Protein backbone atom coordinates (compact mmCIF):
# COMPACT_ATOMS: atom_id res chain seq x y z
CA GLN A 1 19.94 -49.88 -70.16
CA VAL A 2 19.08 -53.57 -70.00
CA GLN A 3 20.81 -56.15 -72.23
CA LEU A 4 18.76 -59.13 -73.40
CA VAL A 5 19.77 -62.61 -74.61
CA GLU A 6 17.19 -65.07 -75.93
CA SER A 7 17.58 -68.84 -76.02
CA GLY A 8 15.53 -71.99 -76.39
CA GLY A 9 14.59 -71.87 -80.04
CA GLY A 10 14.85 -74.84 -82.35
CA LEU A 11 13.10 -77.16 -84.77
CA VAL A 12 9.90 -78.86 -83.62
CA GLN A 13 7.05 -80.72 -85.26
CA ALA A 14 3.60 -79.23 -85.40
CA GLY A 15 1.78 -79.86 -82.14
CA GLY A 16 5.00 -79.81 -80.16
CA SER A 17 6.26 -77.44 -77.49
CA LEU A 18 9.21 -75.18 -76.84
CA ARG A 19 10.15 -72.87 -73.98
CA LEU A 20 12.02 -69.69 -74.81
CA SER A 21 14.06 -67.80 -72.24
CA CYS A 22 15.20 -64.20 -72.21
CA GLN A 23 18.03 -63.48 -69.80
CA ALA A 24 18.44 -59.84 -68.85
CA SER A 25 21.45 -58.09 -67.40
CA GLY A 26 21.35 -54.84 -65.53
CA ARG A 27 19.61 -53.68 -62.42
CA THR A 28 16.49 -52.48 -64.23
CA PHE A 29 15.00 -55.94 -64.98
CA SER A 30 12.97 -56.13 -61.79
CA SER A 31 11.34 -52.80 -62.70
CA ALA A 32 10.87 -53.56 -66.41
CA ALA A 33 7.78 -54.86 -68.13
CA MET A 34 8.80 -57.37 -70.81
CA GLY A 35 7.46 -58.46 -74.17
CA TRP A 36 7.95 -61.19 -76.74
CA PHE A 37 7.73 -60.42 -80.44
CA ARG A 38 8.37 -62.44 -83.59
CA GLN A 39 9.32 -61.82 -87.17
CA ALA A 40 8.83 -64.22 -90.04
CA PRO A 41 10.66 -63.71 -93.36
CA GLY A 42 9.08 -60.91 -95.35
CA ASN A 43 6.86 -59.87 -92.45
CA LYS A 44 6.95 -57.06 -89.94
CA ARG A 45 7.93 -57.79 -86.37
CA GLU A 46 4.72 -58.53 -84.48
CA PHE A 47 3.61 -58.65 -80.89
CA VAL A 48 3.25 -62.06 -79.25
CA ALA A 49 2.92 -61.59 -75.47
CA ALA A 50 3.86 -59.23 -72.66
CA ILE A 51 4.02 -59.20 -68.89
CA ASN A 52 4.12 -56.45 -66.30
CA VAL A 53 6.75 -55.92 -63.62
CA SER A 54 5.17 -58.12 -60.97
CA GLY A 55 4.01 -60.82 -63.35
CA GLY A 56 0.40 -60.30 -62.31
CA TYR A 57 -0.71 -58.97 -65.67
CA THR A 58 -0.20 -60.65 -69.03
CA ILE A 59 -1.50 -59.96 -72.52
CA TYR A 60 -1.38 -62.06 -75.68
CA ALA A 61 -1.87 -61.74 -79.39
CA ASN A 62 -5.06 -63.45 -80.50
CA SER A 63 -3.06 -65.85 -82.67
CA VAL A 64 -1.29 -67.38 -79.64
CA LYS A 65 -3.89 -66.99 -76.91
CA GLY A 66 -4.53 -70.29 -75.16
CA ARG A 67 -1.34 -71.86 -76.57
CA PHE A 68 1.47 -69.61 -75.29
CA THR A 69 2.21 -68.53 -71.72
CA ILE A 70 4.53 -65.72 -70.69
CA SER A 71 6.06 -65.70 -67.21
CA ARG A 72 9.00 -64.18 -65.39
CA ASP A 73 11.38 -64.96 -62.56
CA ASN A 74 12.73 -61.69 -61.20
CA ALA A 75 15.23 -63.51 -58.98
CA LYS A 76 16.80 -64.96 -62.15
CA ASN A 77 16.35 -61.85 -64.31
CA THR A 78 14.57 -64.06 -66.83
CA VAL A 79 11.33 -63.97 -68.77
CA TYR A 80 9.95 -67.11 -70.39
CA LEU A 81 7.62 -67.96 -73.24
CA GLN A 82 6.11 -71.43 -73.03
CA MET A 83 4.80 -72.35 -76.47
CA ASN A 84 2.45 -75.32 -76.80
CA VAL A 85 0.52 -76.78 -79.72
CA LEU A 86 2.92 -75.11 -82.12
CA LYS A 87 1.83 -74.53 -85.70
CA PRO A 88 3.89 -74.00 -88.87
CA GLU A 89 2.70 -70.39 -88.90
CA ASP A 90 4.50 -69.85 -85.58
CA THR A 91 7.80 -70.19 -87.46
CA ALA A 92 9.77 -66.98 -86.94
CA VAL A 93 12.66 -65.38 -85.13
CA TYR A 94 11.48 -64.59 -81.61
CA TYR A 95 12.73 -61.52 -79.79
CA CYS A 96 12.26 -60.20 -76.29
CA GLY A 97 12.12 -56.51 -75.69
CA VAL A 98 11.69 -53.72 -73.17
CA HIS A 99 9.56 -50.62 -73.73
CA ARG A 100 11.36 -47.29 -74.00
CA SER A 101 9.53 -46.33 -70.84
CA VAL A 102 10.73 -49.36 -68.95
CA MET A 103 7.67 -50.00 -66.78
CA VAL A 104 5.16 -49.76 -69.62
CA VAL A 105 3.88 -53.10 -70.91
CA PRO A 106 5.12 -53.30 -74.52
CA THR A 107 2.59 -54.34 -77.16
CA THR A 108 3.99 -52.68 -80.28
CA ALA A 109 7.39 -53.23 -81.88
CA GLY A 110 7.81 -49.49 -82.37
CA SER A 111 7.70 -48.90 -78.63
CA ILE A 112 10.69 -51.11 -77.86
CA GLY A 113 13.87 -49.48 -76.61
CA SER A 114 16.00 -52.61 -76.15
CA TRP A 115 15.94 -55.83 -78.19
CA GLY A 116 17.70 -59.15 -77.79
CA GLN A 117 19.42 -60.81 -80.75
CA GLY A 118 16.55 -63.24 -81.36
CA THR A 119 16.16 -67.02 -81.40
CA GLN A 120 14.87 -69.03 -84.36
CA VAL A 121 11.77 -71.18 -83.96
CA THR A 122 10.92 -73.50 -86.84
CA VAL A 123 7.77 -75.62 -86.80
CA SER A 124 7.53 -78.36 -89.39
CA SER A 125 4.22 -79.69 -90.66
């Protein structure tokens, strides 16, 4: 099983940028598709972006398309989420996750087998 640790969250003004990182431990990272999800207070955890094993395929939620970019560095066992033109509605705890079937690109929170602890992103208006 892969262990995940997110970092890079913080407080930023609307229009600003942040880059989140998700460091994975375990030998399965290079064969695991990865996803980013977020959860705002009172809301369900929702899909943000995902990337396949090679990094050649990515998919985004409509709400972040064109503003966020997911990428990975398999040599560093790390997946990134570059967030630009941030909006107050992007405020949430951001989590990375791996599908129960490790190689499947995760696009639903219910499909996740391993979660990180989350990192808080707060966007002020």
